[in-house]
Amino acid sequence: MTTPTATRPGVRTARPVPIPPDVLDELRAADDAGRPAVPVTDEEGGAPLRCCLRRSEPGDSVVLVSYAPLRRWAAGTGADPGPYDEQGPVFLHARACPGPAGDALPFTDSHRTVRRYSYDGRILGGRLVEDPDGFPAAFAEAFADPEVALVHVRAVEYGCFLYEVRPR
């Protein structure tokens, strides 16, 4: 299995966006539900970390916090996501980390949903991606629509937010 990147000849490029460092600092203090973050040792590893877009290693100190990605994006753009505002669980390193190590798309080892959002924060649809090599086409399709501002890549099994993708 290959690890796809966010580019392909002839396709508009896109980049995976981790949770920004300033937001990570806030979430490590108190999450978007107002609960304090409680660090735990990840004995097994494998948790999808949204701070650096990689999986945790055994022994990493992590926190599981509630995060509202669309709400935070909307606050910066003036959009009003209305009922599409949602929050859910995300794993982070318990302390600051170096962040992502490149543009390779993370967490492509399972079925994912590419959910599209408009500039006013409404869901415009989505696409199930079953093959790791299908992400570039799903992003190109999404961003070919001028109404699409950004997309979220989400886990099918739990619906969890994994990362945001924006066009370059």
N, C-alpha and C. Protein backbone atom coordinates (compact mmCIF):
# COMPACT_ATOMS: atom_id res chain seq x y z
N MET A 1 0.84 -1.16 0.00
CA MET A 1 0.00 0.00 0.00
C MET A 1 0.89 1.24 0.00
N THR A 2 0.56 2.21 -0.84
CA THR A 2 1.34 3.44 -0.88
C THR A 2 0.74 4.45 0.07
N THR A 3 1.55 5.41 0.48
CA THR A 3 1.06 6.52 1.30
C THR A 3 0.83 7.68 0.36
N PRO A 4 -0.43 8.08 0.14
CA PRO A 4 -0.68 9.15 -0.80
C PRO A 4 -0.18 10.48 -0.26
N THR A 5 0.10 11.36 -1.19
CA THR A 5 0.42 12.73 -0.82
C THR A 5 -0.75 13.59 -1.27
N ALA A 6 -0.69 14.85 -0.92
CA ALA A 6 -1.80 15.74 -1.24
C ALA A 6 -1.70 16.31 -2.64
N THR A 7 -0.79 15.80 -3.46
CA THR A 7 -0.66 16.31 -4.81
C THR A 7 -0.68 15.18 -5.82
N ARG A 8 -1.09 15.52 -7.02
CA ARG A 8 -1.08 14.59 -8.14
C ARG A 8 -1.11 15.44 -9.40
N PRO A 9 -0.34 15.10 -10.44
CA PRO A 9 -0.34 15.93 -11.64
C PRO A 9 -1.75 16.14 -12.17
N GLY A 10 -2.06 17.38 -12.52
CA GLY A 10 -3.36 17.70 -13.09
C GLY A 10 -4.46 17.89 -12.08
N VAL A 11 -4.17 17.75 -10.80
CA VAL A 11 -5.18 17.89 -9.75
C VAL A 11 -4.80 19.07 -8.87
N ARG A 12 -5.76 19.90 -8.55
CA ARG A 12 -5.50 21.03 -7.66
C ARG A 12 -4.97 20.48 -6.33
N THR A 13 -3.90 21.07 -5.85
CA THR A 13 -3.28 20.53 -4.65
C THR A 13 -4.03 20.97 -3.40
N ALA A 14 -3.85 20.19 -2.37
CA ALA A 14 -4.48 20.47 -1.08
C ALA A 14 -3.47 20.09 -0.01
N ARG A 15 -3.66 20.65 1.18
CA ARG A 15 -2.73 20.33 2.25
C ARG A 15 -3.47 19.95 3.51
N PRO A 16 -2.99 18.93 4.21
CA PRO A 16 -3.60 18.59 5.50
C PRO A 16 -3.19 19.64 6.53
N VAL A 17 -4.14 20.03 7.37
CA VAL A 17 -3.89 21.07 8.37
C VAL A 17 -4.10 20.49 9.76
N PRO A 18 -3.04 20.45 10.58
CA PRO A 18 -3.22 20.00 11.96
C PRO A 18 -3.92 21.09 12.77
N ILE A 19 -4.30 20.77 13.96
CA ILE A 19 -4.85 21.79 14.86
C ILE A 19 -3.73 22.80 15.14
N PRO A 20 -4.01 24.11 14.97
CA PRO A 20 -2.97 25.13 15.15
C PRO A 20 -2.38 25.13 16.58
N PRO A 21 -1.10 25.49 16.70
CA PRO A 21 -0.43 25.48 18.01
C PRO A 21 -1.14 26.29 19.10
N ASP A 22 -1.68 27.47 18.77
CA ASP A 22 -2.35 28.27 19.80
C ASP A 22 -3.61 27.57 20.30
N VAL A 23 -4.31 26.90 19.39
CA VAL A 23 -5.51 26.15 19.78
C VAL A 23 -5.11 24.93 20.61
N LEU A 24 -4.01 24.28 20.24
CA LEU A 24 -3.53 23.14 21.01
C LEU A 24 -3.24 23.55 22.45
N ASP A 25 -2.61 24.71 22.62
CA ASP A 25 -2.33 25.20 23.97
C ASP A 25 -3.62 25.36 24.77
N GLU A 26 -4.65 25.92 24.13
CA GLU A 26 -5.94 26.09 24.82
C GLU A 26 -6.56 24.75 25.17
N LEU A 27 -6.54 23.81 24.22
CA LEU A 27 -7.15 22.49 24.43
C LEU A 27 -6.42 21.69 25.51
N ARG A 28 -5.11 21.89 25.61
CA ARG A 28 -4.36 21.18 26.64
C ARG A 28 -4.67 21.72 28.04
N ALA A 29 -5.20 22.93 28.11
CA ALA A 29 -5.63 23.51 29.39
C ALA A 29 -7.08 23.13 29.69
N ALA A 30 -7.96 23.40 28.73
CA ALA A 30 -9.38 23.05 28.86
C ALA A 30 -9.93 22.85 27.46
N ASP A 31 -10.70 21.78 27.28
CA ASP A 31 -11.20 21.47 25.93
C ASP A 31 -12.41 22.33 25.57
N ASP A 32 -12.94 22.11 24.38
CA ASP A 32 -14.06 22.92 23.88
C ASP A 32 -15.37 22.63 24.60
N ALA A 33 -15.38 21.65 25.48
CA ALA A 33 -16.54 21.40 26.33
C ALA A 33 -16.31 21.97 27.73
N GLY A 34 -15.15 22.62 27.94
CA GLY A 34 -14.84 23.24 29.23
C GLY A 34 -14.22 22.31 30.25
N ARG A 35 -13.87 21.09 29.84
CA ARG A 35 -13.27 20.14 30.77
C ARG A 35 -11.74 20.25 30.74
N PRO A 36 -11.09 20.07 31.89
CA PRO A 36 -9.63 20.09 31.89
C PRO A 36 -9.08 18.84 31.19
N ALA A 37 -7.95 19.03 30.49
CA ALA A 37 -7.29 17.91 29.84
C ALA A 37 -6.54 17.10 30.89
N VAL A 38 -6.67 15.78 30.82
CA VAL A 38 -6.01 14.90 31.80
C VAL A 38 -5.03 14.00 31.04
N PRO A 39 -3.73 14.24 31.21
CA PRO A 39 -2.74 13.42 30.52
C PRO A 39 -2.76 11.97 31.00
N VAL A 40 -2.57 11.06 30.05
CA VAL A 40 -2.45 9.63 30.34
C VAL A 40 -1.29 9.09 29.50
N THR A 41 -0.73 7.99 29.95
CA THR A 41 0.31 7.32 29.17
C THR A 41 -0.37 6.34 28.23
N ASP A 42 -0.08 6.49 26.95
CA ASP A 42 -0.63 5.58 25.94
C ASP A 42 0.27 4.35 25.91
N GLU A 43 -0.15 3.32 26.59
CA GLU A 43 0.67 2.11 26.71
C GLU A 43 0.83 1.36 25.39
N GLU A 44 -0.22 1.36 24.57
CA GLU A 44 -0.20 0.59 23.32
C GLU A 44 0.28 1.37 22.12
N GLY A 45 0.05 2.68 22.09
CA GLY A 45 0.34 3.48 20.91
C GLY A 45 -0.74 3.31 19.86
N GLY A 46 -0.63 4.08 18.80
CA GLY A 46 -1.56 3.95 17.69
C GLY A 46 -2.68 4.97 17.66
N ALA A 47 -2.78 5.85 18.66
CA ALA A 47 -3.84 6.87 18.66
C ALA A 47 -3.53 7.92 17.60
N PRO A 48 -4.53 8.32 16.82
CA PRO A 48 -4.30 9.34 15.79
C PRO A 48 -4.19 10.73 16.42
N LEU A 49 -2.99 11.26 16.45
CA LEU A 49 -2.72 12.54 17.10
C LEU A 49 -2.99 13.69 16.13
N ARG A 50 -3.86 14.61 16.53
CA ARG A 50 -4.23 15.72 15.64
C ARG A 50 -3.27 16.89 15.74
N CYS A 51 -2.31 16.83 16.63
CA CYS A 51 -1.31 17.90 16.77
C CYS A 51 -0.19 17.75 15.73
N CYS A 52 0.20 16.53 15.46
CA CYS A 52 1.32 16.28 14.55
C CYS A 52 0.94 15.36 13.39
N LEU A 53 -0.31 14.95 13.33
CA LEU A 53 -0.84 14.11 12.24
C LEU A 53 -0.04 12.83 12.05
N ARG A 54 0.22 12.18 13.17
CA ARG A 54 0.83 10.86 13.15
C ARG A 54 0.21 10.04 14.26
N ARG A 55 0.54 8.77 14.33
CA ARG A 55 0.02 7.92 15.40
C ARG A 55 0.96 7.98 16.60
N SER A 56 0.38 7.85 17.78
CA SER A 56 1.18 7.86 19.00
C SER A 56 2.05 6.61 19.06
N GLU A 57 3.14 6.75 19.79
CA GLU A 57 4.05 5.65 20.07
C GLU A 57 3.74 5.10 21.46
N PRO A 58 3.99 3.81 21.70
CA PRO A 58 3.81 3.30 23.06
C PRO A 58 4.62 4.14 24.06
N GLY A 59 3.97 4.53 25.15
CA GLY A 59 4.61 5.33 26.17
C GLY A 59 4.40 6.83 26.02
N ASP A 60 3.85 7.29 24.90
CA ASP A 60 3.59 8.72 24.73
C ASP A 60 2.58 9.20 25.77
N SER A 61 2.78 10.43 26.23
CA SER A 61 1.81 11.08 27.11
C SER A 61 0.82 11.82 26.21
N VAL A 62 -0.47 11.45 26.31
CA VAL A 62 -1.50 12.03 25.44
C VAL A 62 -2.67 12.52 26.27
N VAL A 63 -3.49 13.35 25.62
CA VAL A 63 -4.76 13.76 26.21
C VAL A 63 -5.85 13.50 25.17
N LEU A 64 -7.02 13.15 25.65
CA LEU A 64 -8.20 13.00 24.81
C LEU A 64 -9.12 14.15 25.21
N VAL A 65 -9.34 15.06 24.26
CA VAL A 65 -10.11 16.26 24.54
C VAL A 65 -11.26 16.41 23.54
N SER A 66 -12.22 17.23 23.90
CA SER A 66 -13.33 17.55 23.02
C SER A 66 -12.95 18.77 22.19
N TYR A 67 -13.13 18.67 20.88
CA TYR A 67 -12.70 19.73 19.95
C TYR A 67 -13.84 20.05 19.00
N ALA A 68 -14.04 21.34 18.73
CA ALA A 68 -15.09 21.82 17.81
C ALA A 68 -14.41 22.48 16.61
N PRO A 69 -13.96 21.71 15.62
CA PRO A 69 -13.18 22.29 14.53
C PRO A 69 -13.94 23.31 13.70
N LEU A 70 -15.18 23.05 13.37
CA LEU A 70 -15.93 23.98 12.53
C LEU A 70 -16.23 25.27 13.30
N ARG A 71 -16.54 25.15 14.57
CA ARG A 71 -16.79 26.33 15.41
C ARG A 71 -15.57 27.24 15.43
N ARG A 72 -14.41 26.64 15.61
CA ARG A 72 -13.18 27.44 15.67
C ARG A 72 -12.87 28.07 14.31
N TRP A 73 -13.07 27.34 13.21
CA TRP A 73 -12.87 27.90 11.88
C TRP A 73 -13.85 29.05 11.65
N ALA A 74 -15.11 28.84 12.01
CA ALA A 74 -16.14 29.85 11.81
C ALA A 74 -15.84 31.12 12.60
N ALA A 75 -15.31 30.98 13.79
CA ALA A 75 -14.99 32.15 14.61
C ALA A 75 -13.94 33.03 13.92
N GLY A 76 -13.05 32.42 13.17
CA GLY A 76 -12.02 33.17 12.47
C GLY A 76 -12.46 33.74 11.14
N THR A 77 -13.58 33.23 10.61
CA THR A 77 -14.03 33.68 9.29
C THR A 77 -15.32 34.49 9.34
N GLY A 78 -16.01 34.46 10.47
CA GLY A 78 -17.29 35.15 10.57
C GLY A 78 -18.47 34.30 10.11
N ALA A 79 -18.21 33.06 9.76
CA ALA A 79 -19.29 32.16 9.34
C ALA A 79 -20.12 31.74 10.56
N ASP A 80 -21.33 31.28 10.30
CA ASP A 80 -22.21 30.78 11.36
C ASP A 80 -22.63 29.37 10.98
N PRO A 81 -21.96 28.35 11.52
CA PRO A 81 -22.30 26.98 11.13
C PRO A 81 -23.64 26.48 11.64
N GLY A 82 -24.29 27.24 12.51
CA GLY A 82 -25.60 26.83 13.00
C GLY A 82 -25.59 25.42 13.56
N PRO A 83 -26.54 24.59 13.11
CA PRO A 83 -26.62 23.24 13.65
C PRO A 83 -25.47 22.32 13.22
N TYR A 84 -24.64 22.76 12.28
CA TYR A 84 -23.50 21.95 11.86
C TYR A 84 -22.32 22.07 12.82
N ASP A 85 -22.43 22.97 13.79
CA ASP A 85 -21.41 23.11 14.81
C ASP A 85 -21.46 21.85 15.68
N GLU A 86 -20.36 21.16 15.75
CA GLU A 86 -20.30 19.95 16.56
C GLU A 86 -18.92 19.84 17.19
N GLN A 87 -18.86 19.08 18.25
CA GLN A 87 -17.57 18.81 18.89
C GLN A 87 -17.45 17.33 19.12
N GLY A 88 -16.20 16.87 19.12
CA GLY A 88 -15.96 15.46 19.33
C GLY A 88 -14.57 15.22 19.85
N PRO A 89 -14.27 13.97 20.17
CA PRO A 89 -13.00 13.63 20.80
C PRO A 89 -11.84 13.62 19.81
N VAL A 90 -10.70 14.15 20.27
CA VAL A 90 -9.45 14.09 19.51
C VAL A 90 -8.30 13.80 20.48
N PHE A 91 -7.32 13.07 20.00
CA PHE A 91 -6.10 12.82 20.77
C PHE A 91 -5.04 13.85 20.41
N LEU A 92 -4.30 14.29 21.43
CA LEU A 92 -3.18 15.21 21.26
C LEU A 92 -2.03 14.73 22.12
N HIS A 93 -0.81 15.09 21.74
CA HIS A 93 0.28 14.94 22.70
C HIS A 93 -0.06 15.81 23.90
N ALA A 94 0.28 15.36 25.08
CA ALA A 94 -0.03 16.12 26.29
C ALA A 94 0.79 17.40 26.38
N ARG A 95 1.94 17.43 25.73
CA ARG A 95 2.79 18.62 25.69
C ARG A 95 3.10 18.96 24.24
N ALA A 96 3.57 20.16 24.00
CA ALA A 96 3.90 20.60 22.65
C ALA A 96 4.82 19.60 21.95
N CYS A 97 4.58 19.43 20.66
CA CYS A 97 5.40 18.54 19.84
C CYS A 97 5.84 19.31 18.59
N PRO A 98 6.73 18.73 17.78
CA PRO A 98 7.22 19.46 16.61
C PRO A 98 6.19 19.67 15.50
N GLY A 99 5.06 19.00 15.56
CA GLY A 99 4.07 19.11 14.49
C GLY A 99 4.34 18.12 13.37
N PRO A 100 3.60 18.25 12.26
CA PRO A 100 3.76 17.31 11.15
C PRO A 100 5.14 17.38 10.53
N ALA A 101 5.53 16.27 9.93
CA ALA A 101 6.86 16.18 9.31
C ALA A 101 6.75 16.11 7.79
N GLY A 102 5.87 16.89 7.18
CA GLY A 102 5.74 16.89 5.73
C GLY A 102 4.29 16.94 5.29
N ASP A 103 4.09 16.75 3.99
CA ASP A 103 2.75 16.85 3.41
C ASP A 103 2.08 15.51 3.12
N ALA A 104 2.67 14.41 3.54
CA ALA A 104 2.03 13.12 3.31
C ALA A 104 0.69 13.10 4.05
N LEU A 105 -0.32 12.56 3.42
CA LEU A 105 -1.63 12.51 4.05
C LEU A 105 -1.63 11.47 5.16
N PRO A 106 -2.04 11.86 6.35
CA PRO A 106 -2.05 10.93 7.47
C PRO A 106 -3.34 10.11 7.54
N PHE A 107 -3.27 9.03 8.27
CA PHE A 107 -4.44 8.24 8.64
C PHE A 107 -5.25 7.77 7.42
N THR A 108 -4.57 7.29 6.39
CA THR A 108 -5.25 6.82 5.19
C THR A 108 -5.39 5.30 5.18
N ASP A 109 -5.15 4.67 6.32
CA ASP A 109 -5.12 3.21 6.39
C ASP A 109 -6.49 2.59 6.65
N SER A 110 -7.54 3.37 6.56
CA SER A 110 -8.89 2.87 6.79
C SER A 110 -9.85 3.71 5.98
N HIS A 111 -11.10 3.28 5.91
CA HIS A 111 -12.11 4.08 5.21
C HIS A 111 -12.26 5.43 5.90
N ARG A 112 -12.37 6.47 5.10
CA ARG A 112 -12.52 7.82 5.61
C ARG A 112 -13.62 8.54 4.83
N THR A 113 -14.17 9.54 5.46
CA THR A 113 -15.14 10.40 4.80
C THR A 113 -14.48 11.75 4.59
N VAL A 114 -14.61 12.28 3.39
CA VAL A 114 -14.17 13.63 3.07
C VAL A 114 -15.44 14.47 3.04
N ARG A 115 -15.63 15.27 4.09
CA ARG A 115 -16.84 16.08 4.24
C ARG A 115 -16.56 17.52 3.82
N ARG A 116 -17.39 18.04 2.94
CA ARG A 116 -17.22 19.39 2.39
C ARG A 116 -18.02 20.41 3.18
N TYR A 117 -17.43 21.61 3.34
CA TYR A 117 -18.11 22.71 4.02
C TYR A 117 -18.07 23.96 3.15
N SER A 118 -19.17 24.71 3.18
CA SER A 118 -19.27 25.96 2.45
C SER A 118 -18.64 27.10 3.24
N TYR A 119 -18.52 28.25 2.60
CA TYR A 119 -17.94 29.42 3.26
C TYR A 119 -18.80 29.93 4.41
N ASP A 120 -20.08 29.56 4.44
CA ASP A 120 -20.93 29.96 5.57
C ASP A 120 -21.04 28.87 6.62
N GLY A 121 -20.25 27.79 6.48
CA GLY A 121 -20.18 26.77 7.51
C GLY A 121 -21.20 25.66 7.40
N ARG A 122 -21.80 25.49 6.24
CA ARG A 122 -22.79 24.43 6.04
C ARG A 122 -22.16 23.23 5.35
N ILE A 123 -22.65 22.04 5.66
CA ILE A 123 -22.17 20.83 4.99
C ILE A 123 -22.72 20.81 3.57
N LEU A 124 -21.84 20.59 2.61
CA LEU A 124 -22.22 20.52 1.20
C LEU A 124 -22.22 19.09 0.67
N GLY A 125 -21.94 18.15 1.50
CA GLY A 125 -21.89 16.76 1.07
C GLY A 125 -20.58 16.13 1.49
N GLY A 126 -20.38 14.94 1.02
CA GLY A 126 -19.17 14.23 1.38
C GLY A 126 -18.93 13.08 0.44
N ARG A 127 -17.82 12.43 0.66
CA ARG A 127 -17.45 11.29 -0.17
C ARG A 127 -16.72 10.28 0.69
N LEU A 128 -17.11 9.04 0.55
CA LEU A 128 -16.42 7.94 1.21
C LEU A 128 -15.18 7.60 0.40
N VAL A 129 -14.05 7.53 1.07
CA VAL A 129 -12.79 7.14 0.42
C VAL A 129 -12.39 5.80 1.01
N GLU A 130 -12.38 4.78 0.17
CA GLU A 130 -12.09 3.43 0.63
C GLU A 130 -10.66 2.98 0.31
N ASP A 131 -10.02 3.67 -0.62
CA ASP A 131 -8.67 3.31 -1.07
C ASP A 131 -7.74 4.48 -0.77
N PRO A 132 -6.59 4.23 -0.16
CA PRO A 132 -5.67 5.33 0.14
C PRO A 132 -5.32 6.20 -1.06
N ASP A 133 -5.31 5.61 -2.24
CA ASP A 133 -4.98 6.38 -3.44
C ASP A 133 -6.14 7.25 -3.93
N GLY A 134 -7.30 7.16 -3.27
CA GLY A 134 -8.47 7.92 -3.69
C GLY A 134 -8.56 9.32 -3.11
N PHE A 135 -7.68 9.66 -2.17
CA PHE A 135 -7.77 10.98 -1.53
C PHE A 135 -7.53 12.14 -2.49
N PRO A 136 -6.48 12.12 -3.32
CA PRO A 136 -6.28 13.26 -4.21
C PRO A 136 -7.49 13.55 -5.10
N ALA A 137 -8.13 12.51 -5.62
CA ALA A 137 -9.31 12.73 -6.46
C ALA A 137 -10.48 13.28 -5.64
N ALA A 138 -10.64 12.80 -4.41
CA ALA A 138 -11.72 13.30 -3.56
C ALA A 138 -11.51 14.77 -3.23
N PHE A 139 -10.26 15.17 -2.98
CA PHE A 139 -9.98 16.58 -2.70
C PHE A 139 -10.17 17.42 -3.96
N ALA A 140 -9.71 16.93 -5.10
CA ALA A 140 -9.87 17.68 -6.35
C ALA A 140 -11.35 17.87 -6.66
N GLU A 141 -12.13 16.84 -6.47
CA GLU A 141 -13.58 16.93 -6.70
C GLU A 141 -14.21 17.96 -5.77
N ALA A 142 -13.82 17.91 -4.51
CA ALA A 142 -14.37 18.85 -3.53
C ALA A 142 -14.03 20.29 -3.91
N PHE A 143 -12.76 20.56 -4.18
CA PHE A 143 -12.33 21.92 -4.43
C PHE A 143 -12.62 22.41 -5.84
N ALA A 144 -13.12 21.52 -6.70
CA ALA A 144 -13.59 21.97 -8.02
C ALA A 144 -14.90 22.75 -7.86
N ASP A 145 -15.59 22.54 -6.76
CA ASP A 145 -16.82 23.26 -6.47
C ASP A 145 -16.45 24.59 -5.83
N PRO A 146 -16.76 25.72 -6.44
CA PRO A 146 -16.36 27.02 -5.89
C PRO A 146 -17.04 27.35 -4.56
N GLU A 147 -18.06 26.62 -4.19
CA GLU A 147 -18.74 26.85 -2.91
C GLU A 147 -18.01 26.22 -1.73
N VAL A 148 -17.05 25.32 -2.01
CA VAL A 148 -16.35 24.59 -0.95
C VAL A 148 -15.19 25.43 -0.42
N ALA A 149 -15.23 25.70 0.88
CA ALA A 149 -14.17 26.46 1.55
C ALA A 149 -13.10 25.54 2.11
N LEU A 150 -13.52 24.41 2.67
CA LEU A 150 -12.60 23.47 3.29
C LEU A 150 -13.29 22.12 3.39
N VAL A 151 -12.49 21.10 3.67
CA VAL A 151 -13.04 19.78 3.91
C VAL A 151 -12.45 19.23 5.21
N HIS A 152 -13.21 18.36 5.83
CA HIS A 152 -12.74 17.62 6.99
C HIS A 152 -12.59 16.16 6.57
N VAL A 153 -11.50 15.56 6.98
CA VAL A 153 -11.34 14.12 6.84
C VAL A 153 -11.74 13.53 8.17
N ARG A 154 -12.67 12.57 8.11
CA ARG A 154 -13.23 11.99 9.34
C ARG A 154 -13.17 10.47 9.28
N ALA A 155 -13.08 9.88 10.46
CA ALA A 155 -13.11 8.43 10.58
C ALA A 155 -14.53 7.94 10.34
N VAL A 156 -14.69 6.91 9.55
CA VAL A 156 -16.01 6.35 9.28
C VAL A 156 -16.57 5.68 10.53
N GLU A 157 -15.73 4.93 11.23
CA GLU A 157 -16.19 4.13 12.36
C GLU A 157 -16.84 4.95 13.46
N TYR A 158 -16.23 6.08 13.80
CA TYR A 158 -16.73 6.89 14.91
C TYR A 158 -17.16 8.29 14.48
N GLY A 159 -16.87 8.69 13.26
CA GLY A 159 -17.21 10.03 12.79
C GLY A 159 -16.26 11.10 13.28
N CYS A 160 -15.18 10.70 13.96
CA CYS A 160 -14.25 11.66 14.56
C CYS A 160 -13.52 12.48 13.50
N PHE A 161 -13.33 13.75 13.82
CA PHE A 161 -12.52 14.65 13.02
C PHE A 161 -11.07 14.17 13.08
N LEU A 162 -10.44 14.04 11.92
CA LEU A 162 -9.03 13.67 11.87
C LEU A 162 -8.15 14.87 11.52
N TYR A 163 -8.53 15.58 10.46
CA TYR A 163 -7.80 16.80 10.09
C TYR A 163 -8.59 17.55 9.03
N GLU A 164 -8.20 18.80 8.87
CA GLU A 164 -8.81 19.68 7.88
C GLU A 164 -7.92 19.69 6.65
N VAL A 165 -8.54 19.91 5.49
CA VAL A 165 -7.80 20.07 4.25
C VAL A 165 -8.27 21.35 3.60
N ARG A 166 -7.31 22.15 3.18
CA ARG A 166 -7.60 23.39 2.46
C ARG A 166 -6.85 23.37 1.15
N PRO A 167 -7.38 24.05 0.14
CA PRO A 167 -6.66 24.10 -1.14
C PRO A 167 -5.41 24.95 -1.02
N ARG A 168 -4.46 24.65 -1.85
CA ARG A 168 -3.24 25.47 -1.91
C ARG A 168 -3.32 26.37 -3.11
